[in-house]
PDB file of N, CA and C in Angstrom:
ATOM      1  N   UNK A   1     110.150  82.286 117.768  1.00  0.00           N
ATOM      2  CA  UNK A   1     111.721  83.102 117.376  1.00  0.00           C
ATOM      3  C   UNK A   1     111.540  83.961 115.878  1.00  0.00           C
ATOM      4  N   UNK A   2     111.179  84.926 115.727  1.00  0.00           N
ATOM      5  CA  UNK A   2     110.772  86.216 114.592  1.00  0.00           C
ATOM      6  C   UNK A   2     111.955  86.827 114.294  1.00  0.00           C
ATOM      7  N   UNK A   3     112.956  86.176 113.942  1.00  0.00           N
ATOM      8  CA  UNK A   3     114.486  86.810 112.992  1.00  0.00           C
ATOM      9  C   UNK A   3     114.352  87.335 111.945  1.00  0.00           C
ATOM     10  N   UNK A   4     112.739  87.037 111.301  1.00  0.00           N
ATOM     11  CA  UNK A   4     112.965  88.109 109.609  1.00  0.00           C
ATOM     12  C   UNK A   4     112.192  89.682 110.329  1.00  0.00           C
ATOM     13  N   UNK A   5     111.637  89.421 111.254  1.00  0.00           N
ATOM     14  CA  UNK A   5     111.103  90.992 111.527  1.00  0.00           C
ATOM     15  C   UNK A   5     111.552  91.452 112.756  1.00  0.00           C
ATOM     16  N   UNK A   6     112.865  91.286 113.079  1.00  0.00           N
ATOM     17  CA  UNK A   6     113.618  91.477 114.368  1.00  0.00           C
ATOM     18  C   UNK A   6     112.513  91.264 116.016  1.00  0.00           C
ATOM     19  N   UNK A   7     112.098  90.194 115.788  1.00  0.00           N
ATOM     20  CA  UNK A   7     111.494  89.993 117.105  1.00  0.00           C
ATOM     21  C   UNK A   7     109.804  91.044 117.407  1.00  0.00           C
ATOM     22  N   UNK A   8     109.781  91.440 116.309  1.00  0.00           N
ATOM     23  CA  UNK A   8     108.916  92.260 116.433  1.00  0.00           C
ATOM     24  C   UNK A   8     107.602  91.994 115.353  1.00  0.00           C
ATOM     25  N   UNK A   9     105.904  92.091 116.089  1.00  0.00           N
ATOM     26  CA  UNK A   9     105.113  91.891 114.956  1.00  0.00           C
ATOM     27  C   UNK A   9     105.379  92.239 113.945  1.00  0.00           C
ATOM     28  N   UNK A  10     105.066  91.609 112.570  1.00  0.00           N
ATOM     29  CA  UNK A  10     105.468  92.644 111.117  1.00  0.00           C
ATOM     30  C   UNK A  10     104.088  93.058 111.529  1.00  0.00           C
ATOM     31  N   UNK A  11     104.161  94.520 110.459  1.00  0.00           N
ATOM     32  CA  UNK A  11     103.125  95.145 110.440  1.00  0.00           C
ATOM     33  C   UNK A  11     102.501  94.717 109.565  1.00  0.00           C
ATOM     34  N   UNK A  12     101.198  95.201 108.243  1.00  0.00           N
ATOM     35  CA  UNK A  12     100.397  95.367 107.553  1.00  0.00           C
ATOM     36  C   UNK A  12     101.609  95.325 106.546  1.00  0.00           C
ATOM     37  N   UNK A  13     102.104  96.426 106.388  1.00  0.00           N
ATOM     38  CA  UNK A  13     103.317  96.601 105.073  1.00  0.00           C
ATOM     39  C   UNK A  13     104.436  95.559 105.040  1.00  0.00           C
ATOM     40  N   UNK A  14     104.948  94.840 106.345  1.00  0.00           N
ATOM     41  CA  UNK A  14     106.098  94.208 106.564  1.00  0.00           C
ATOM     42  C   UNK A  14     104.831  92.867 105.140  1.00  0.00           C
ATOM     43  N   UNK A  15     103.902  92.616 105.754  1.00  0.00           N
ATOM     44  CA  UNK A  15     103.353  91.193 104.920  1.00  0.00           C
ATOM     45  C   UNK A  15     103.501  91.762 103.385  1.00  0.00           C
ATOM     46  N   UNK A  16     102.975  93.006 103.096  1.00  0.00           N
ATOM     47  CA  UNK A  16     102.861  93.304 101.960  1.00  0.00           C
ATOM     48  C   UNK A  16     104.145  93.088 101.354  1.00  0.00           C
ATOM     49  N   UNK A  17     105.466  94.030 101.911  1.00  0.00           N
ATOM     50  CA  UNK A  17     106.841  93.836 101.099  1.00  0.00           C
ATOM     51  C   UNK A  17     107.434  92.141 101.417  1.00  0.00           C
ATOM     52  N   UNK A  18     106.779  91.371 101.785  1.00  0.00           N
ATOM     53  CA  UNK A  18     107.112  89.940 101.453  1.00  0.00           C
ATOM     54  C   UNK A  18     106.543  89.346 101.113  1.00  0.00           C
ATOM     55  N   UNK A  19     105.255  89.484 100.864  1.00  0.00           N
ATOM     56  CA  UNK A  19     104.664  88.599  99.465  1.00  0.00           C
ATOM     57  C   UNK A  19     104.827  88.973  98.226  1.00  0.00           C
ATOM     58  N   UNK A  20     105.678  90.308  98.270  1.00  0.00           N
ATOM     59  CA  UNK A  20     105.351  91.141  97.229  1.00  0.00           C
ATOM     60  C   UNK A  20     107.214  91.159  96.242  1.00  0.00           C
ATOM     61  N   UNK A  21     107.262  90.114  97.071  1.00  0.00           N
ATOM     62  CA  UNK A  21     109.475  90.601  97.189  1.00  0.00           C
ATOM     63  C   UNK A  21     109.682  89.366  96.414  1.00  0.00           C
ATOM     64  N   UNK A  22     110.248  88.658  95.324  1.00  0.00           N
ATOM     65  CA  UNK A  22     110.696  88.172  94.198  1.00  0.00           C
ATOM     66  C   UNK A  22     112.191  87.740  95.189  1.00  0.00           C
ATOM     67  N   UNK A  23     112.440  86.465  95.294  1.00  0.00           N
ATOM     68  CA  UNK A  23     113.741  86.317  95.271  1.00  0.00           C
ATOM     69  C   UNK A  23     114.890  86.103  94.234  1.00  0.00           C
ATOM     70  N   UNK A  24     114.554  86.381  93.135  1.00  0.00           N
ATOM     71  CA  UNK A  24     115.289  86.682  91.939  1.00  0.00           C
ATOM     72  C   UNK A  24     115.410  88.186  91.731  1.00  0.00           C
ATOM     73  N   UNK A  25     113.904  88.877  91.204  1.00  0.00           N
ATOM     74  CA  UNK A  25     114.413  90.143  90.901  1.00  0.00           C
ATOM     75  C   UNK A  25     113.957  91.105  92.284  1.00  0.00           C
ATOM     76  N   UNK A  26     113.687  90.620  92.846  1.00  0.00           N
ATOM     77  CA  UNK A  26     113.027  91.752  94.456  1.00  0.00           C
ATOM     78  C   UNK A  26     111.406  91.939  93.605  1.00  0.00           C
ATOM     79  N   UNK A  27     111.566  94.203  93.948  1.00  0.00           N
ATOM     80  CA  UNK A  27     110.409  94.480  93.774  1.00  0.00           C
ATOM     81  C   UNK A  27     110.203  94.452  92.360  1.00  0.00           C
ATOM     82  N   UNK A  28     109.226  94.399  91.926  1.00  0.00           N
ATOM     83  CA  UNK A  28     108.707  94.917  90.825  1.00  0.00           C
ATOM     84  C   UNK A  28     108.370  96.575  90.999  1.00  0.00           C
ATOM     85  N   UNK A  29     108.573  97.248  89.644  1.00  0.00           N
ATOM     86  CA  UNK A  29     108.309  98.635  89.360  1.00  0.00           C
ATOM     87  C   UNK A  29     106.962  98.906  90.791  1.00  0.00           C
ATOM     88  N   UNK A  30     105.731  98.994  89.966  1.00  0.00           N
ATOM     89  CA  UNK A  30     104.328  99.267  91.077  1.00  0.00           C
ATOM     90  C   UNK A  30     104.319  99.021  92.343  1.00  0.00           C
ATOM     91  N   UNK A  31     105.000  97.821  92.913  1.00  0.00           N
ATOM     92  CA  UNK A  31     105.502  97.219  94.310  1.00  0.00           C
ATOM     93  C   UNK A  31     106.322  98.369  95.166  1.00  0.00           C
ATOM     94  N   UNK A  32     107.694  98.638  94.295  1.00  0.00           N
ATOM     95  CA  UNK A  32     108.010 100.347  95.298  1.00  0.00           C
ATOM     96  C   UNK A  32     106.980 101.034  95.239  1.00  0.00           C
ATOM     97  N   UNK A  33     107.162 101.233  94.093  1.00  0.00           N
ATOM     98  CA  UNK A  33     105.912 102.548  94.244  1.00  0.00           C
ATOM     99  C   UNK A  33     104.695 102.546  95.055  1.00  0.00           C
ATOM    100  N   UNK A  34     103.992 101.341  95.644  1.00  0.00           N
ATOM    101  CA  UNK A  34     103.521 101.689  96.235  1.00  0.00           C
ATOM    102  C   UNK A  34     103.580 101.528  97.863  1.00  0.00           C
ATOM    103  N   UNK A  35     104.884 100.515  98.025  1.00  0.00           N
ATOM    104  CA  UNK A  35     105.737 100.877  99.152  1.00  0.00           C
ATOM    105  C   UNK A  35     106.093 101.878  99.676  1.00  0.00           C
ATOM    106  N   UNK A  36     106.357 102.361  98.693  1.00  0.00           N
ATOM    107  CA  UNK A  36     106.767 104.086  99.047  1.00  0.00           C
ATOM    108  C   UNK A  36     105.982 105.166  99.359  1.00  0.00           C
ATOM    109  N   UNK A  37     104.769 104.823  98.701  1.00  0.00           N
ATOM    110  CA  UNK A  37     103.360 105.593  99.164  1.00  0.00           C
ATOM    111  C   UNK A  37     103.067 105.576 100.537  1.00  0.00           C
ATOM    112  N   UNK A  38     103.113 104.160 100.721  1.00  0.00           N
ATOM    113  CA  UNK A  38     102.605 103.310 102.044  1.00  0.00           C
ATOM    114  C   UNK A  38     103.130 104.051 103.061  1.00  0.00           C
ATOM    115  N   UNK A  39     104.856 104.009 103.067  1.00  0.00           N
ATOM    116  CA  UNK A  39     105.262 104.554 104.271  1.00  0.00           C
ATOM    117  C   UNK A  39     105.123 105.959 104.357  1.00  0.00           C
ATOM    118  N   UNK A  40     105.165 106.638 103.183  1.00  0.00           N
ATOM    119  CA  UNK A  40     104.675 108.332 102.721  1.00  0.00           C
ATOM    120  C   UNK A  40     103.381 108.403 103.975  1.00  0.00           C
ATOM    121  N   UNK A  41     102.828 107.770 103.508  1.00  0.00           N
ATOM    122  CA  UNK A  41     101.465 107.966 104.439  1.00  0.00           C
ATOM    123  C   UNK A  41     101.408 107.881 105.540  1.00  0.00           C
ATOM    124  N   UNK A  42     101.675 106.694 106.213  1.00  0.00           N
ATOM    125  CA  UNK A  42     102.422 106.534 107.325  1.00  0.00           C
ATOM    126  C   UNK A  42     103.107 107.559 107.968  1.00  0.00           C
ATOM    127  N   UNK A  43     103.865 108.404 107.897  1.00  0.00           N
ATOM    128  CA  UNK A  43     104.764 108.963 107.872  1.00  0.00           C
ATOM    129  C   UNK A  43     104.492 110.111 108.386  1.00  0.00           C
ATOM    130  N   UNK A  44     103.475 110.727 107.525  1.00  0.00           N
ATOM    131  CA  UNK A  44     102.992 112.772 107.090  1.00  0.00           C
ATOM    132  C   UNK A  44     102.392 112.517 108.518  1.00  0.00           C
ATOM    133  N   UNK A  45     102.902 113.751 109.045  1.00  0.00           N
ATOM    134  CA  UNK A  45     101.896 114.363 110.145  1.00  0.00           C
ATOM    135  C   UNK A  45     100.577 114.632 110.493  1.00  0.00           C
ATOM    136  N   UNK A  46      99.932 114.064 111.641  1.00  0.00           N
ATOM    137  CA  UNK A  46      98.858 114.230 111.867  1.00  0.00           C
ATOM    138  C   UNK A  46      98.264 115.425 112.027  1.00  0.00           C
ATOM    139  N   UNK A  47      96.834 115.860 112.191  1.00  0.00           N
ATOM    140  CA  UNK A  47      96.541 117.501 112.483  1.00  0.00           C
ATOM    141  C   UNK A  47      96.397 117.142 114.009  1.00  0.00           C
ATOM    142  N   UNK A  48      96.520 117.959 114.480  1.00  0.00           N
ATOM    143  CA  UNK A  48      95.988 117.794 116.056  1.00  0.00           C
ATOM    144  C   UNK A  48      94.939 117.421 116.277  1.00  0.00           C
ATOM    145  N   UNK A  49      94.826 116.147 117.527  1.00  0.00           N
ATOM    146  CA  UNK A  49      93.579 115.645 117.940  1.00  0.00           C
ATOM    147  C   UNK A  49      93.277 114.361 117.026  1.00  0.00           C
ATOM    148  N   UNK A  50      94.028 114.437 116.370  1.00  0.00           N
ATOM    149  CA  UNK A  50      93.637 113.276 115.157  1.00  0.00           C
ATOM    150  C   UNK A  50      95.109 111.868 115.944  1.00  0.00           C
ATOM    151  N   UNK A  51      94.281 110.907 115.467  1.00  0.00           N
ATOM    152  CA  UNK A  51      95.442 109.583 115.809  1.00  0.00           C
ATOM    153  C   UNK A  51      95.972 109.348 114.700  1.00  0.00           C
ATOM    154  N   UNK A  52      97.124 108.632 114.759  1.00  0.00           N
ATOM    155  CA  UNK A  52      98.293 108.319 113.849  1.00  0.00           C
ATOM    156  C   UNK A  52      97.393 107.551 112.510  1.00  0.00           C
ATOM    157  N   UNK A  53      98.146 107.623 111.492  1.00  0.00           N
ATOM    158  CA  UNK A  53      97.783 106.729 110.591  1.00  0.00           C
ATOM    159  C   UNK A  53      98.187 105.101 110.184  1.00  0.00           C
ATOM    160  N   UNK A  54      98.080 104.436 110.349  1.00  0.00           N
ATOM    161  CA  UNK A  54      97.955 103.346 110.636  1.00  0.00           C
ATOM    162  C   UNK A  54      98.538 102.984 109.313  1.00  0.00           C
ATOM    163  N   UNK A  55      99.677 101.671 109.438  1.00  0.00           N
ATOM    164  CA  UNK A  55      99.658 100.863 108.455  1.00  0.00           C
ATOM    165  C   UNK A  55      98.436  99.979 107.132  1.00  0.00           C
ATOM    166  N   UNK A  56      96.971  99.664 108.222  1.00  0.00           N
ATOM    167  CA  UNK A  56      96.051  99.506 107.501  1.00  0.00           C
ATOM    168  C   UNK A  56      95.796 100.195 106.492  1.00  0.00           C
ATOM    169  N   UNK A  57      95.579 101.676 107.109  1.00  0.00           N
ATOM    170  CA  UNK A  57      94.596 102.973 106.328  1.00  0.00           C
ATOM    171  C   UNK A  57      96.013 103.375 105.741  1.00  0.00           C
ATOM    172  N   UNK A  58      97.159 102.973 105.539  1.00  0.00           N
ATOM    173  CA  UNK A  58      97.769 103.065 104.449  1.00  0.00           C
ATOM    174  C   UNK A  58      97.376 102.332 103.321  1.00  0.00           C
ATOM    175  N   UNK A  59      98.091 101.001 103.174  1.00  0.00           N
ATOM    176  CA  UNK A  59      97.555 100.167 102.613  1.00  0.00           C
ATOM    177  C   UNK A  59      95.712 100.433 101.679  1.00  0.00           C
ATOM    178  N   UNK A  60      94.909 100.527 102.679  1.00  0.00           N
ATOM    179  CA  UNK A  60      93.860 100.853 102.344  1.00  0.00           C
ATOM    180  C   UNK A  60      93.767 101.967 101.015  1.00  0.00           C
ATOM    181  N   UNK A  61      94.530 103.122 101.841  1.00  0.00           N
ATOM    182  CA  UNK A  61      94.550 104.378 100.658  1.00  0.00           C
ATOM    183  C   UNK A  61      95.127 104.369  99.274  1.00  0.00           C
ATOM    184  N   UNK A  62      96.141 103.657  99.804  1.00  0.00           N
ATOM    185  CA  UNK A  62      97.149 103.148  98.348  1.00  0.00           C
ATOM    186  C   UNK A  62      96.664 102.982  97.422  1.00  0.00           C
ATOM    187  N   UNK A  63      95.965 101.192  97.940  1.00  0.00           N
ATOM    188  CA  UNK A  63      95.773 100.613  96.849  1.00  0.00           C
ATOM    189  C   UNK A  63      94.085 100.638  97.631  1.00  0.00           C
ATOM    190  N   UNK A  64      92.970 101.524  96.993  1.00  0.00           N
ATOM    191  CA  UNK A  64      91.715 100.975  97.969  1.00  0.00           C
ATOM    192  C   UNK A  64      90.297  99.863  96.853  1.00  0.00           C
ATOM    193  N   UNK A  65      91.089  99.888  95.693  1.00  0.00           N
ATOM    194  CA  UNK A  65      90.614  98.272  95.703  1.00  0.00           C
ATOM    195  C   UNK A  65      90.839  97.112  95.269  1.00  0.00           C
ATOM    196  N   UNK A  66      92.340  97.066  96.371  1.00  0.00           N
ATOM    197  CA  UNK A  66      92.918  95.995  96.339  1.00  0.00           C
ATOM    198  C   UNK A  66      92.212  94.649  97.275  1.00  0.00           C
ATOM    199  N   UNK A  67      92.399  93.812  96.980  1.00  0.00           N
ATOM    200  CA  UNK A  67      91.790  92.994  98.393  1.00  0.00           C
ATOM    201  C   UNK A  67      92.724  92.412  99.101  1.00  0.00           C
ATOM    202  N   UNK A  68      93.914  92.861  99.349  1.00  0.00           N
ATOM    203  CA  UNK A  68      94.958  92.177  99.964  1.00  0.00           C
ATOM    204  C   UNK A  68      94.894  92.164 101.151  1.00  0.00           C
ATOM    205  N   UNK A  69      94.265  93.508 101.621  1.00  0.00           N
ATOM    206  CA  UNK A  69      93.868  93.610 103.512  1.00  0.00           C
ATOM    207  C   UNK A  69      92.862  91.701 103.656  1.00  0.00           C
ATOM    208  N   UNK A  70      91.906  91.934 102.808  1.00  0.00           N
ATOM    209  CA  UNK A  70      90.857  91.154 103.162  1.00  0.00           C
ATOM    210  C   UNK A  70      91.713  89.525 103.395  1.00  0.00           C
ATOM    211  N   UNK A  71      92.334  89.322 101.870  1.00  0.00           N
ATOM    212  CA  UNK A  71      93.530  87.924 101.926  1.00  0.00           C
ATOM    213  C   UNK A  71      93.969  87.579 103.026  1.00  0.00           C
ATOM    214  N   UNK A  72      94.652  88.853 104.049  1.00  0.00           N
ATOM    215  CA  UNK A  72      95.198  88.337 104.876  1.00  0.00           C
ATOM    216  C   UNK A  72      94.380  88.862 106.130  1.00  0.00           C
ATOM    217  N   UNK A  73      93.476  88.666 106.072  1.00  0.00           N
ATOM    218  CA  UNK A  73      92.467  88.829 107.426  1.00  0.00           C
ATOM    219  C   UNK A  73      92.529  90.274 108.157  1.00  0.00           C
ATOM    220  N   UNK A  74      92.770  91.549 107.562  1.00  0.00           N
ATOM    221  CA  UNK A  74      93.201  92.530 108.745  1.00  0.00           C
ATOM    222  C   UNK A  74      92.360  93.680 107.835  1.00  0.00           C
ATOM    223  N   UNK A  75      91.186  93.035 106.783  1.00  0.00           N
ATOM    224  CA  UNK A  75      89.980  94.044 106.312  1.00  0.00           C
ATOM    225  C   UNK A  75      88.640  93.289 106.142  1.00  0.00           C
ATOM    226  N   UNK A  76      87.523  93.734 106.382  1.00  0.00           N
ATOM    227  CA  UNK A  76      86.131  93.134 106.022  1.00  0.00           C
ATOM    228  C   UNK A  76      85.713  93.709 104.951  1.00  0.00           C
ATOM    229  N   UNK A  77      84.754  93.926 104.792  1.00  0.00           N
ATOM    230  CA  UNK A  77      83.943  95.034 103.739  1.00  0.00           C
ATOM    231  C   UNK A  77      83.189  95.928 105.011  1.00  0.00           C
ATOM    232  N   UNK A  78      83.092  95.386 105.350  1.00  0.00           N
ATOM    233  CA  UNK A  78      82.396  96.577 106.617  1.00  0.00           C
ATOM    234  C   UNK A  78      83.552  97.495 106.974  1.00  0.00           C
ATOM    235  N   UNK A  79      84.428  97.280 107.237  1.00  0.00           N
ATOM    236  CA  UNK A  79      85.770  97.994 107.762  1.00  0.00           C
ATOM    237  C   UNK A  79      86.221  98.921 106.721  1.00  0.00           C
ATOM    238  N   UNK A  80      85.756  98.656 105.719  1.00  0.00           N
ATOM    239  CA  UNK A  80      85.943  99.509 104.776  1.00  0.00           C
ATOM    240  C   UNK A  80      85.112 100.486 103.929  1.00  0.00           C
ATOM    241  N   UNK A  81      83.699 100.363 103.958  1.00  0.00           N
ATOM    242  CA  UNK A  81      83.140 101.000 104.166  1.00  0.00           C
ATOM    243  C   UNK A  81      82.710 101.538 105.315  1.00  0.00           C
ATOM    244  N   UNK A  82      83.377 101.521 106.392  1.00  0.00           N
ATOM    245  CA  UNK A  82      83.456 102.658 107.800  1.00  0.00           C
ATOM    246  C   UNK A  82      84.617 103.273 107.270  1.00  0.00           C
ATOM    247  N   UNK A  83      85.843 103.084 107.011  1.00  0.00           N
ATOM    248  CA  UNK A  83      86.771 104.136 106.531  1.00  0.00           C
ATOM    249  C   UNK A  83      86.616 104.690 105.354  1.00  0.00           C
ATOM    250  N   UNK A  84      85.461 104.577 104.497  1.00  0.00           N
ATOM    251  CA  UNK A  84      84.811 105.546 103.088  1.00  0.00           C
ATOM    252  C   UNK A  84      84.457 106.569 104.099  1.00  0.00           C
ATOM    253  N   UNK A  85      83.535 106.014 105.312  1.00  0.00           N
ATOM    254  CA  UNK A  85      82.465 106.686 105.873  1.00  0.00           C
ATOM    255  C   UNK A  85      83.517 107.537 106.655  1.00  0.00           C
ATOM    256  N   UNK A  86      84.242 107.499 107.534  1.00  0.00           N
ATOM    257  CA  UNK A  86      85.010 108.314 108.277  1.00  0.00           C
ATOM    258  C   UNK A  86      86.260 109.190 107.182  1.00  0.00           C
ATOM    259  N   UNK A  87      85.884 108.936 105.807  1.00  0.00           N
ATOM    260  CA  UNK A  87      87.098 109.745 105.545  1.00  0.00           C
ATOM    261  C   UNK A  87      85.692 111.023 104.958  1.00  0.00           C
ATOM    262  N   UNK A  88      84.801 110.746 104.873  1.00  0.00           N
ATOM    263  CA  UNK A  88      83.528 111.668 104.179  1.00  0.00           C
ATOM    264  C   UNK A  88      83.678 112.868 105.477  1.00  0.00           C
ATOM    265  N   UNK A  89      83.496 111.684 106.607  1.00  0.00           N
ATOM    266  CA  UNK A  89      83.157 112.615 107.686  1.00  0.00           C
ATOM    267  C   UNK A  89      84.285 113.777 107.898  1.00  0.00           C
ATOM    268  N   UNK A  90      85.734 113.572 107.824  1.00  0.00           N
ATOM    269  CA  UNK A  90      86.664 114.009 107.564  1.00  0.00           C
ATOM    270  C   UNK A  90      86.611 115.579 106.847  1.00  0.00           C
ATOM    271  N   UNK A  91      86.098 114.744 105.874  1.00  0.00           N
ATOM    272  CA  UNK A  91      86.001 115.932 104.529  1.00  0.00           C
ATOM    273  C   UNK A  91      85.007 116.925 104.814  1.00  0.00           C
ATOM    274  N   UNK A  92      83.991 116.279 105.496  1.00  0.00           N
ATOM    275  CA  UNK A  92      82.984 117.182 105.813  1.00  0.00           C
ATOM    276  C   UNK A  92      83.318 118.241 106.901  1.00  0.00           C
ATOM    277  N   UNK A  93      83.538 117.567 108.005  1.00  0.00           N
ATOM    278  CA  UNK A  93      84.363 118.519 109.191  1.00  0.00           C
ATOM    279  C   UNK A  93      85.382 119.399 108.602  1.00  0.00           C
ATOM    280  N   UNK A  94      86.184 119.405 107.725  1.00  0.00           N
ATOM    281  CA  UNK A  94      86.852 120.162 106.904  1.00  0.00           C
ATOM    282  C   UNK A  94      86.603 121.481 106.030  1.00  0.00           C
ATOM    283  N   UNK A  95      85.605 120.778 105.490  1.00  0.00           N
ATOM    284  CA  UNK A  95      85.347 122.197 104.830  1.00  0.00           C
ATOM    285  C   UNK A  95      83.489 122.759 106.390  1.00  0.00           C
ATOM    286  N   UNK A  96      82.970 122.193 107.007  1.00  0.00           N
ATOM    287  CA  UNK A  96      82.755 123.397 108.337  1.00  0.00           C
ATOM    288  C   UNK A  96      83.375 124.321 109.002  1.00  0.00           C
ATOM    289  N   UNK A  97      84.941 123.614 108.774  1.00  0.00           N
ATOM    290  CA  UNK A  97      85.774 124.763 109.805  1.00  0.00           C
ATOM    291  C   UNK A  97      85.967 125.935 109.006  1.00  0.00           C
ATOM    292  N   UNK A  98      86.048 125.739 107.875  1.00  0.00           N
ATOM    293  CA  UNK A  98      86.620 126.493 106.195  1.00  0.00           C
ATOM    294  C   UNK A  98      85.105 127.309 106.743  1.00  0.00           C
ATOM    295  N   UNK A  99      83.877 127.114 106.287  1.00  0.00           N
ATOM    296  CA  UNK A  99      82.619 127.659 106.407  1.00  0.00           C
ATOM    297  C   UNK A  99      83.124 128.239 107.922  1.00  0.00           C
ATOM    298  N   UNK A 100      83.332 128.109 108.486  1.00  0.00           N
ATOM    299  CA  UNK A 100      83.217 128.738 109.859  1.00  0.00           C
ATOM    300  C   UNK A 100      84.399 130.084 109.981  1.00  0.00           C
ATOM    301  N   UNK A 101      85.262 129.962 109.534  1.00  0.00           N
ATOM    302  CA  UNK A 101      86.644 130.561 109.522  1.00  0.00           C
ATOM    303  C   UNK A 101      85.742 131.996 108.339  1.00  0.00           C
ATOM    304  N   UNK A 102      85.491 131.844 107.578  1.00  0.00           N
ATOM    305  CA  UNK A 102      85.203 132.594 106.475  1.00  0.00           C
ATOM    306  C   UNK A 102      83.858 133.300 106.895  1.00  0.00           C
ATOM    307  N   UNK A 103      82.947 133.229 107.575  1.00  0.00           N
ATOM    308  CA  UNK A 103      81.546 133.297 108.291  1.00  0.00           C
ATOM    309  C   UNK A 103      82.412 134.503 109.724  1.00  0.00           C
ATOM    310  N   UNK A 104      83.833 134.041 110.197  1.00  0.00           N
ATOM    311  CA  UNK A 104      83.887 135.113 111.821  1.00  0.00           C
ATOM    312  C   UNK A 104      84.928 136.174 110.350  1.00  0.00           C
ATOM    313  N   UNK A 105      85.671 135.802 108.975  1.00  0.00           N
ATOM    314  CA  UNK A 105      86.190 136.842 108.761  1.00  0.00           C
ATOM    315  C   UNK A 105      84.774 137.768 107.433  1.00  0.00           C
ATOM    316  N   UNK A 106      83.566 137.390 107.177  1.00  0.00           N
ATOM    317  CA  UNK A 106      82.835 138.440 106.616  1.00  0.00           C
ATOM    318  C   UNK A 106      82.163 139.313 108.052  1.00  0.00           C
ATOM    319  N   UNK A 107      82.152 138.438 109.516  1.00  0.00           N
ATOM    320  CA  UNK A 107      81.601 139.080 110.382  1.00  0.00           C
ATOM    321  C   UNK A 107      82.437 140.377 110.606  1.00  0.00           C
ATOM    322  N   UNK A 108      83.820 140.081 110.646  1.00  0.00           N
ATOM    323  CA  UNK A 108      84.821 141.022 110.797  1.00  0.00           C
ATOM    324  C   UNK A 108      84.397 142.312 109.425  1.00  0.00           C
ATOM    325  N   UNK A 109      83.984 141.668 108.690  1.00  0.00           N
ATOM    326  CA  UNK A 109      84.543 142.908 107.913  1.00  0.00           C
ATOM    327  C   UNK A 109      82.797 144.113 107.730  1.00  0.00           C
ATOM    328  N   UNK A 110      81.826 142.933 108.243  1.00  0.00           N
ATOM    329  CA  UNK A 110      80.671 143.632 108.510  1.00  0.00           C
ATOM    330  C   UNK A 110      81.313 145.137 109.553  1.00  0.00           C
ATOM    331  N   UNK A 111      81.794 144.159 110.479  1.00  0.00           N
ATOM    332  CA  UNK A 111      81.499 145.431 112.058  1.00  0.00           C
ATOM    333  C   UNK A 111      82.386 146.519 111.030  1.00  0.00           C
ATOM    334  N   UNK A 112      83.370 146.487 110.381  1.00  0.00           N
ATOM    335  CA  UNK A 112      84.583 147.489 109.636  1.00  0.00           C
ATOM    336  C   UNK A 112      83.513 148.476 109.185  1.00  0.00           C
ATOM    337  N   UNK A 113      82.624 147.393 108.266  1.00  0.00           N
ATOM    338  CA  UNK A 113      81.895 148.368 107.421  1.00  0.00           C
ATOM    339  C   UNK A 113      80.992 149.324 108.164  1.00  0.00           C
ATOM    340  N   UNK A 114      80.860 148.731 109.170  1.00  0.00           N
ATOM    341  CA  UNK A 114      80.075 149.851 110.529  1.00  0.00           C
ATOM    342  C   UNK A 114      80.245 150.793 111.027  1.00  0.00           C
ATOM    343  N   UNK A 115      81.486 150.714 111.513  1.00  0.00           N
ATOM    344  CA  UNK A 115      82.636 151.687 111.873  1.00  0.00           C
ATOM    345  C   UNK A 115      82.630 153.066 111.157  1.00  0.00           C
ATOM    346  N   UNK A 116      83.261 152.285 109.283  1.00  0.00           N
ATOM    347  CA  UNK A 116      83.363 153.278 108.464  1.00  0.00           C
ATOM    348  C   UNK A 116      81.967 154.165 108.289  1.00  0.00           C
ATOM    349  N   UNK A 117      80.667 153.820 107.998  1.00  0.00           N
ATOM    350  CA  UNK A 117      79.339 154.208 107.620  1.00  0.00           C
ATOM    351  C   UNK A 117      79.363 155.202 108.799  1.00  0.00           C
ATOM    352  N   UNK A 118      79.571 154.151 110.256  1.00  0.00           N
ATOM    353  CA  UNK A 118      78.917 155.651 111.534  1.00  0.00           C
ATOM    354  C   UNK A 118      80.342 156.754 111.440  1.00  0.00           C
ATOM    355  N   UNK A 119      81.537 156.408 110.965  1.00  0.00           N
ATOM    356  CA  UNK A 119      82.239 157.684 110.712  1.00  0.00           C
ATOM    357  C   UNK A 119      81.340 158.670 109.845  1.00  0.00           C
ATOM    358  N   UNK A 120      81.280 158.038 108.754  1.00  0.00           N
ATOM    359  CA  UNK A 120      81.193 158.834 107.831  1.00  0.00           C
ATOM    360  C   UNK A 120      79.393 159.627 108.493  1.00  0.00           C
ATOM    361  N   UNK A 121      78.761 159.574 108.754  1.00  0.00           N
ATOM    362  CA  UNK A 121      77.724 159.815 109.571  1.00  0.00           C
ATOM    363  C   UNK A 121      77.764 161.285 110.670  1.00  0.00           C
ATOM    364  N   UNK A 122      78.674 160.474 111.301  1.00  0.00           N
ATOM    365  CA  UNK A 122      79.397 161.699 112.774  1.00  0.00           C
ATOM    366  C   UNK A 122      80.093 162.727 111.951  1.00  0.00           C
ATOM    367  N   UNK A 123      80.629 162.852 110.502  1.00  0.00           N
ATOM    368  CA  UNK A 123      81.290 163.621 110.153  1.00  0.00           C
ATOM    369  C   UNK A 123      80.473 164.094 109.076  1.00  0.00           C
ATOM    370  N   UNK A 124      79.104 164.093 109.287  1.00  0.00           N
ATOM    371  CA  UNK A 124      78.223 164.604 108.078  1.00  0.00           C
ATOM    372  C   UNK A 124      77.344 166.114 109.375  1.00  0.00           C
TER     373      UNK A 124
END
């Protein structure tokens, strides 16, 4: 029976909370800040077509140099490298879409310029 986690399997954030809470003093300031950042990261709205962010991704994002995920058996070194590659790929895709938007904008301006030049030639 899992009464501590309300009969649901704990997330990695729940495990982090459980392992970083002192029975006498509760959470220290660093743990409280990290938990708040993790929960905010998971709660962030996702862009269209993207999968929702997972608690494992939240911990890897908030504490990139931490060995917590490896210690609890949730992440291997290969997964961490793959996460970095995926983040880099997302950034490249974002930059490519910005470039495409800029190109479309410049094409529109070129078309307008050509129209104005044609009007000027027609007036001569």
